[in-house]
Protein backbone atom coordinates (compact mmCIF):
# COMPACT_ATOMS: atom_id res chain seq x y z
CA MET A 1 -48.34 -96.51 -12.06
CA ILE A 2 -46.42 -97.45 -15.60
CA SER A 3 -43.89 -95.17 -14.22
CA VAL A 4 -43.49 -96.33 -10.75
CA GLY A 5 -43.48 -100.11 -12.46
CA ILE A 6 -40.18 -98.71 -14.46
CA LEU A 7 -38.64 -97.56 -11.19
CA LEU A 8 -38.86 -100.28 -9.50
CA LEU A 9 -37.24 -102.36 -12.72
CA VAL A 10 -34.37 -100.06 -12.66
CA ARG A 11 -34.03 -100.34 -8.85
CA HIS A 12 -33.31 -104.13 -8.94
CA ILE A 13 -31.53 -103.50 -12.26
CA ASP A 14 -29.21 -101.52 -10.13
CA ARG A 15 -28.74 -104.11 -7.28
CA GLU A 16 -28.17 -106.75 -10.02
CA ASP A 17 -24.80 -104.39 -11.05
CA SER A 18 -23.95 -103.63 -7.63
CA ASN A 19 -23.78 -107.76 -6.95
CA ARG A 20 -21.83 -108.22 -10.26
CA PHE A 21 -19.21 -105.02 -8.92
CA LEU A 22 -18.89 -107.25 -5.76
CA GLU A 23 -18.26 -110.54 -7.33
CA ASN A 24 -15.66 -109.21 -9.66
CA GLY A 25 -13.92 -107.77 -6.37
CA ASP A 26 -14.52 -104.09 -7.85
CA VAL A 27 -15.36 -101.36 -5.71
CA GLU A 28 -19.05 -101.11 -4.83
CA PRO A 29 -21.15 -98.53 -6.85
CA GLU A 30 -22.03 -95.37 -5.07
CA THR A 31 -25.28 -95.13 -3.40
CA TYR A 32 -27.98 -92.92 -4.72
CA TRP A 33 -27.98 -90.64 -1.32
CA LYS A 34 -24.05 -90.68 -1.30
CA SER A 35 -24.31 -89.60 -4.71
CA TRP A 36 -27.12 -86.81 -3.93
CA ARG A 37 -24.90 -85.43 -0.74
CA SER A 38 -22.09 -85.48 -3.20
CA ASN A 39 -23.81 -83.41 -5.50
CA TRP A 40 -25.40 -80.60 -2.97
CA ARG A 41 -21.18 -80.26 -1.72
CA SER A 42 -20.20 -79.33 -5.20
CA ILE A 43 -22.75 -76.72 -5.61
CA PHE A 44 -22.24 -75.36 -1.97
CA GLN A 45 -18.15 -75.35 -2.99
CA SER A 46 -19.24 -72.92 -5.63
CA LYS A 47 -20.58 -69.68 -5.32
CA PRO A 48 -21.28 -68.90 -8.64
CA LEU A 49 -23.18 -72.46 -8.76
CA TRP A 50 -25.74 -71.79 -5.84
CA VAL A 51 -26.36 -68.40 -6.61
CA SER A 52 -27.56 -69.40 -9.79
CA PHE A 53 -29.35 -72.62 -8.51
CA THR A 54 -31.35 -70.12 -6.50
CA PHE A 55 -31.90 -67.38 -8.59
CA SER A 56 -33.10 -69.91 -11.39
CA LEU A 57 -35.53 -72.00 -9.21
CA ILE A 58 -37.10 -68.19 -7.70
CA ALA A 59 -37.50 -67.42 -11.72
CA PHE A 60 -39.44 -71.19 -12.12
CA LEU A 61 -40.74 -70.91 -9.04
CA ALA A 62 -42.67 -67.28 -9.93
CA ILE A 63 -43.43 -68.49 -13.22
CA GLN A 64 -45.14 -72.16 -12.42
CA LEU A 65 -46.98 -70.38 -9.52
CA ILE A 66 -48.98 -67.97 -11.94
CA ASP A 67 -49.05 -70.08 -14.81
CA ALA A 68 -52.21 -71.67 -14.44
CA GLN A 69 -53.59 -68.40 -13.43
CA PHE A 70 -53.13 -66.76 -16.73
CA VAL A 71 -56.59 -67.80 -17.76
CA VAL A 72 -58.20 -66.56 -14.95
CA LEU A 73 -56.11 -63.45 -15.09
CA THR A 74 -57.27 -62.83 -18.51
CA ARG A 75 -60.69 -63.68 -17.93
CA GLU A 76 -61.35 -61.05 -15.28
CA LEU A 77 -59.63 -58.56 -17.58
CA PHE A 78 -61.07 -59.43 -20.72
CA PRO A 79 -64.73 -61.29 -20.08
CA LEU A 80 -65.75 -60.82 -23.56
CA HIS A 81 -62.42 -61.74 -25.39
CA PRO A 82 -61.68 -65.10 -24.64
CA SER A 83 -58.76 -65.35 -27.23
CA ILE A 84 -56.69 -62.88 -25.36
CA PHE A 85 -55.31 -66.21 -23.44
CA GLY A 86 -54.23 -67.35 -26.27
CA TRP A 87 -52.52 -64.79 -27.46
CA LEU A 88 -50.92 -64.26 -24.22
CA ILE A 89 -49.39 -67.55 -24.35
CA SER A 90 -48.26 -67.02 -27.88
CA VAL A 91 -46.33 -63.45 -26.91
CA VAL A 92 -44.74 -65.37 -24.20
CA GLY A 93 -43.31 -67.88 -26.11
CA LEU A 94 -42.44 -65.34 -28.78
CA GLY A 95 -40.36 -63.35 -26.38
CA ALA A 96 -38.63 -66.46 -25.08
CA VAL A 97 -37.59 -67.46 -28.92
CA THR A 98 -36.32 -63.76 -29.77
CA ILE A 99 -34.29 -63.86 -27.00
CA LEU A 100 -32.83 -67.18 -27.73
CA LEU A 101 -32.38 -66.06 -31.34
CA PHE A 102 -29.94 -63.47 -29.87
CA LEU A 103 -28.09 -65.37 -26.89
CA ASN A 104 -27.31 -67.87 -29.86
CA ARG A 105 -24.88 -64.80 -31.20
CA LEU A 106 -22.78 -65.24 -28.08
CA THR A 107 -20.08 -67.92 -27.68
CA GLU A 108 -19.22 -66.81 -24.05
CA ILE A 109 -20.98 -65.36 -21.14
CA LYS A 110 -18.70 -63.31 -18.92
CA ARG A 111 -21.25 -62.06 -16.12
CA TYR A 112 -23.69 -64.70 -15.20
CA SER A 113 -24.87 -61.73 -12.97
CA LEU A 114 -26.32 -59.65 -15.48
CA PHE A 115 -28.31 -62.34 -17.20
CA LEU A 116 -29.60 -64.03 -14.35
CA GLY A 117 -30.32 -60.89 -12.20
CA SER A 118 -31.95 -59.09 -15.46
CA ALA A 119 -34.21 -62.61 -16.25
CA VAL A 120 -35.48 -62.60 -12.81
CA PHE A 121 -36.24 -59.04 -12.54
CA LEU A 122 -37.84 -59.13 -16.44
CA ILE A 123 -40.18 -62.17 -15.20
CA GLY A 124 -40.87 -60.33 -11.94
CA SER A 125 -41.70 -56.85 -13.38
CA GLY A 126 -43.88 -58.62 -16.41
CA ILE A 127 -45.85 -60.18 -13.23
CA PHE A 128 -46.35 -57.35 -11.19
CA ALA A 129 -47.56 -54.99 -14.32
CA MET A 130 -50.24 -57.86 -14.94
CA GLY A 131 -51.27 -57.21 -11.53
CA MET A 132 -51.59 -54.04 -11.59
CA MET A 133 -54.00 -53.81 -14.85
CA TRP A 134 -57.34 -52.92 -14.37
CA MET A 135 -60.91 -53.64 -16.09
CA ASP A 136 -60.94 -52.75 -20.11
CA THR A 137 -56.85 -52.42 -20.08
CA GLU A 138 -55.40 -51.85 -23.53
CA ILE A 139 -54.93 -55.44 -24.85
CA TRP A 140 -51.45 -54.35 -25.95
CA MET A 141 -50.67 -54.09 -22.85
CA ILE A 142 -50.91 -57.38 -20.98
CA LEU A 143 -49.00 -58.44 -24.46
CA LEU A 144 -46.06 -56.62 -23.75
CA ALA A 145 -46.15 -57.95 -20.04
CA GLY A 146 -46.38 -61.27 -21.46
CA LEU A 147 -43.34 -60.23 -24.04
CA ILE A 148 -41.21 -59.22 -21.10
CA ILE A 149 -42.15 -62.46 -19.00
CA GLY A 150 -41.01 -64.50 -22.12
CA VAL A 151 -37.74 -62.69 -23.08
CA GLY A 152 -36.87 -63.18 -19.01
CA THR A 153 -37.90 -67.03 -19.44
CA GLY A 154 -35.24 -67.40 -22.50
CA ILE A 155 -32.50 -65.74 -20.46
CA PHE A 156 -32.30 -67.58 -17.45
CA SER A 157 -33.27 -70.95 -19.11
CA VAL A 158 -30.21 -70.58 -21.93
CA VAL A 159 -28.03 -68.91 -19.17
CA PHE A 160 -28.40 -71.46 -16.31
CA SER A 161 -27.76 -74.36 -18.82
CA TYR A 162 -24.65 -72.44 -19.72
CA ILE A 163 -23.53 -72.00 -16.17
CA LEU A 164 -24.11 -75.58 -15.34
CA GLN A 165 -21.74 -76.63 -18.53
CA VAL A 166 -18.74 -74.07 -17.39
CA GLU A 167 -18.84 -74.03 -13.48
CA SER A 168 -19.51 -77.75 -13.01
CA PRO A 169 -16.80 -79.86 -11.66
CA GLU A 170 -15.92 -82.42 -14.20
CA GLY A 171 -18.22 -85.42 -14.42
CA LYS A 172 -20.39 -83.61 -12.48
CA VAL A 173 -22.68 -82.42 -15.28
CA GLY A 174 -25.06 -84.65 -15.86
CA GLN A 175 -25.76 -85.32 -12.07
CA LEU A 176 -26.22 -81.56 -11.48
CA SER A 177 -28.37 -81.40 -14.21
CA GLY A 178 -30.59 -84.10 -12.88
CA MET A 179 -30.71 -82.50 -9.39
CA TYR A 180 -31.87 -79.38 -10.97
CA GLU A 181 -34.72 -81.40 -12.71
CA SER A 182 -35.43 -83.10 -9.53
CA LEU A 183 -35.87 -79.56 -7.99
CA THR A 184 -37.98 -78.40 -10.71
CA GLY A 185 -39.80 -81.44 -10.86
CA ILE A 186 -41.01 -80.77 -7.40
CA ILE A 187 -41.95 -77.01 -8.06
CA LEU A 188 -44.06 -78.36 -10.92
CA ILE A 189 -46.17 -80.15 -8.71
CA VAL A 190 -46.67 -77.86 -5.97
CA ALA A 191 -46.57 -74.58 -7.30
CA PRO A 192 -49.59 -74.58 -9.74
CA VAL A 193 -51.66 -76.43 -6.56
CA THR A 194 -50.33 -73.34 -4.33
CA GLY A 195 -50.88 -70.69 -6.87
CA GLY A 196 -54.64 -71.88 -7.15
CA PHE A 197 -55.02 -72.13 -3.81
CA LEU A 198 -53.74 -68.56 -3.06
CA VAL A 199 -55.75 -67.33 -5.67
CA GLN A 200 -58.88 -68.47 -4.50
CA LEU A 201 -58.04 -67.07 -1.23
CA PHE A 202 -56.85 -63.22 -2.20
CA GLY A 203 -57.57 -62.98 -5.61
CA VAL A 204 -55.68 -63.40 -9.11
CA PHE A 205 -54.61 -59.40 -9.08
CA THR A 206 -53.27 -59.84 -5.45
CA ILE A 207 -50.88 -62.58 -6.07
CA PHE A 208 -50.02 -61.26 -9.05
CA GLN A 209 -48.83 -58.31 -7.39
CA VAL A 210 -46.74 -60.07 -4.42
CA VAL A 211 -45.33 -62.73 -6.81
CA GLY A 212 -44.18 -60.17 -8.97
CA ALA A 213 -43.07 -57.43 -6.74
CA VAL A 214 -41.10 -60.24 -4.63
CA THR A 215 -39.83 -61.73 -7.89
CA PHE A 216 -38.86 -58.16 -8.89
CA GLY A 217 -37.14 -57.43 -5.78
CA ILE A 218 -34.72 -60.38 -6.04
CA GLY A 219 -33.73 -59.74 -9.37
CA LEU A 220 -33.20 -56.25 -8.38
CA ILE A 221 -31.19 -57.39 -5.63
CA GLY A 222 -29.27 -59.68 -8.11
CA LEU A 223 -28.39 -56.53 -10.22
CA VAL A 224 -27.40 -54.29 -7.31
CA PHE A 225 -24.78 -56.82 -5.47
CA GLN A 226 -23.52 -58.51 -8.64
CA LYS A 227 -19.99 -58.64 -7.37
CA TRP A 228 -21.17 -59.87 -3.93
CA LEU A 229 -23.16 -62.56 -4.78
CA TRP A 230 -21.29 -63.91 -7.83
CA GLY A 231 -17.87 -63.37 -6.89
CA SER A 232 -15.41 -62.24 -10.13
CA TRP A 233 -17.40 -60.44 -13.14
CA ARG A 234 -15.96 -62.74 -15.15
CA ARG A 235 -16.58 -66.48 -14.98
CA GLY A 236 -15.76 -69.52 -16.92
CA ARG A 237 -13.32 -71.90 -17.06
CA ARG A 238 -13.95 -73.58 -20.30
CA LYS A 239 -14.16 -72.11 -23.71
CA ASN A 240 -17.14 -72.65 -25.64
CA GLY A 241 -15.19 -72.79 -28.50
CA LYS A 242 -16.48 -71.51 -31.94
CA GLY A 243 -20.39 -71.30 -32.66
CA GLY A 244 -23.11 -69.89 -30.85
CA LEU A 245 -23.99 -70.46 -27.55
CA ILE A 246 -26.79 -72.65 -27.78
CA LYS A 247 -24.94 -74.61 -30.33
CA ASN A 248 -22.26 -75.15 -28.16
CA LEU A 249 -24.72 -75.95 -24.98
CA THR A 250 -26.13 -79.04 -27.03
CA LYS A 251 -22.43 -80.42 -27.29
CA GLY A 252 -21.27 -79.59 -23.87
CA PRO A 253 -18.50 -81.10 -21.80
CA SER A 254 -18.63 -84.88 -21.14
CA CYS A 255 -20.40 -86.17 -18.00
């Protein structure tokens, strides 16, 4: 309710600014829906952008579908070891942090397809592997699967941010980032509820297997058809300059 109230105030502020523009004889500022259409047009005019958007949203959707179900899975696999859930979440985080340290050594990414395809492939592989496990599975096996998911998550989050910085038209970085955040926000609301409903219908192992297999397959398509999906092997119009990849992402071009 507090957020709704703030947004209503923001709406009135925008209206006041519009009136001020008109009184001063200036051009009326771009409306929200016009800006939204313009941003979608910018995405679809750039093949690397819309393909990267698609792969990143698939990876995010797969993670959110099963994220809330980790506790159900670990309870089924290790009913006498409730602490395994905490270990699993920690290992996923460890995988993400480890790959971030590696990516920070890079100053430029030349093959988006290799990184994003691998990220989706790894996430799907880890999810599918968890779905194929059985009662009394060795603890290290599920932790290894969690590590793989974490590595894939770290890759897609950093690489997609890089792609937005490099491929977005001038002055559109912030707007396209906002669009991506809006879409992921919708997924955050819908995916966990959908995942829970599907688990109730078909069981946690089946859902992990199906989600993992589909995500795994899409990642494999991204790796096999790299040139067709992303175009040229080498992408990127701007150089990041000196410093690591993550450090330069925090600077970024002006929005």
